Amino acid sequence: MEYHLSAALKNLADIRYKHFWCDGISMPDEHLLSPAVVAAEKAIATTAWLGSTGQDVYQMIIVLGPISLQRYLKGESITGCLPNASEPSTWVNMDTDARKISILLQ
């Protein structure tokens, strides 16, 4: 997911993000990954390291769309639900001031 997000950041229209990359995404707390919590929230909250150095800490929300939610609840991988990296404006939302990023999976 880090490589795909890094490619998407380079394609955002805002030139501030042209040199951003993602160095890593942490594994969320186990209770946040339970099917009951994910089904209720339709999202997974975690931490990502982003920025021009890849070391700025961001709150990350992975919003699950219908396909990724269904796959997640079945115990299947959701990495195939990442949208096209060349069209990040439809699925990546950055707020550098608040150090937050949200991504919307299919």
Protein backbone atom coordinates (compact mmCIF):
# COMPACT_ATOMS: atom_id res chain seq x y z
CA MET A 1 0.00 0.00 0.00
CA GLU A 2 2.91 2.37 0.73
CA TYR A 3 4.27 2.17 -2.82
CA HIS A 4 0.85 2.67 -4.38
CA LEU A 5 0.16 5.67 -2.14
CA SER A 6 3.58 7.16 -2.98
CA ALA A 7 2.77 6.90 -6.69
CA ALA A 8 -0.62 8.52 -6.11
CA LEU A 9 0.89 11.42 -4.15
CA LYS A 10 3.12 12.27 -7.11
CA ASN A 11 0.01 12.52 -9.29
CA LEU A 12 -1.99 14.90 -7.08
CA ALA A 13 -2.77 18.23 -8.72
CA ASP A 14 -1.39 20.19 -5.74
CA ILE A 15 2.32 20.70 -6.45
CA ARG A 16 3.11 20.67 -2.70
CA TYR A 17 2.80 16.89 -2.82
CA LYS A 18 4.95 16.19 -5.89
CA HIS A 19 7.92 15.16 -3.72
CA PHE A 20 5.91 13.43 -1.00
CA TRP A 21 6.25 9.73 -0.46
CA CYS A 22 5.03 7.20 2.07
CA ASP A 23 7.67 5.43 4.14
CA GLY A 24 5.25 3.23 6.03
CA ILE A 25 1.81 2.59 7.42
CA SER A 26 1.49 1.16 10.90
CA MET A 27 -0.62 -1.82 11.81
CA PRO A 28 -3.64 -0.45 13.70
CA ASP A 29 -4.47 -1.55 17.23
CA GLU A 30 -5.94 -5.03 17.09
CA HIS A 31 -9.34 -4.01 18.48
CA LEU A 32 -9.74 -1.50 15.60
CA LEU A 33 -9.36 -4.36 13.13
CA SER A 34 -12.16 -6.51 14.51
CA PRO A 35 -14.90 -7.23 11.97
CA ALA A 36 -17.51 -5.67 14.29
CA VAL A 37 -15.62 -2.36 14.57
CA VAL A 38 -14.75 -2.22 10.87
CA ALA A 39 -18.34 -3.07 9.86
CA ALA A 40 -19.67 -0.29 12.09
CA GLU A 41 -17.07 2.34 11.14
CA LYS A 42 -16.54 1.31 7.51
CA ALA A 43 -13.02 2.62 8.03
CA ILE A 44 -9.70 1.73 9.63
CA ALA A 45 -7.76 4.36 11.60
CA THR A 46 -3.99 4.10 11.63
CA THR A 47 -0.76 6.09 11.31
CA ALA A 48 1.28 6.78 8.17
CA TRP A 49 4.71 8.30 7.67
CA LEU A 50 4.56 10.74 4.74
CA GLY A 51 6.12 13.90 3.43
CA SER A 52 9.13 15.00 1.44
CA THR A 53 11.33 12.95 3.79
CA GLY A 54 8.73 10.25 4.37
CA GLN A 55 9.06 10.83 8.11
CA ASP A 56 6.20 13.18 9.00
CA VAL A 57 3.57 11.41 11.12
CA TYR A 58 0.01 11.59 9.75
CA GLN A 59 -3.26 10.29 11.10
CA MET A 60 -4.55 8.01 8.36
CA ILE A 61 -8.11 6.90 7.75
CA ILE A 62 -8.65 4.08 5.29
CA VAL A 63 -12.28 4.38 4.21
CA LEU A 64 -13.69 1.11 2.93
CA GLY A 65 -16.00 1.21 -0.05
CA PRO A 66 -18.52 -1.57 -0.68
CA ILE A 67 -16.08 -3.97 -2.39
CA SER A 68 -13.23 -3.56 0.11
CA LEU A 69 -15.62 -3.78 3.08
CA GLN A 70 -17.11 -7.01 1.78
CA ARG A 71 -13.64 -8.47 1.16
CA TYR A 72 -12.40 -7.38 4.58
CA LEU A 73 -15.35 -8.95 6.37
CA LYS A 74 -14.72 -12.19 4.47
CA GLY A 75 -11.07 -12.15 5.61
CA GLU A 76 -9.77 -11.46 2.10
CA SER A 77 -7.02 -9.01 1.11
CA ILE A 78 -8.15 -5.46 0.35
CA THR A 79 -4.98 -4.37 -1.45
CA GLY A 80 -6.65 -5.12 -4.79
CA CYS A 81 -9.22 -2.44 -3.93
CA LEU A 82 -6.76 0.43 -4.27
CA PRO A 83 -7.91 2.76 -7.03
CA ASN A 84 -5.70 3.79 -9.94
CA ALA A 85 -2.63 5.73 -8.74
CA SER A 86 -2.85 8.00 -11.78
CA GLU A 87 -6.22 9.33 -10.55
CA PRO A 88 -5.55 10.16 -6.88
CA SER A 89 -7.90 13.14 -6.74
CA THR A 90 -10.78 10.67 -6.59
CA TRP A 91 -9.50 8.71 -3.58
CA VAL A 92 -6.74 10.61 -1.70
CA ASN A 93 -7.51 13.55 0.59
CA MET A 94 -4.56 15.33 2.23
CA ASP A 95 -4.53 17.93 5.00
CA THR A 96 -0.91 18.82 5.65
CA ASP A 97 -1.78 21.44 8.28
CA ALA A 98 -3.64 18.91 10.43
CA ARG A 99 -1.33 16.07 9.36
CA LYS A 100 -4.23 13.90 8.20
CA ILE A 101 -4.75 11.77 5.14
CA SER A 102 -7.74 9.72 4.11
CA ILE A 103 -7.94 7.25 1.30
CA LEU A 104 -11.08 5.74 -0.17
CA LEU A 105 -10.86 2.15 -1.35
CA GLN A 106 -13.26 0.64 -3.85
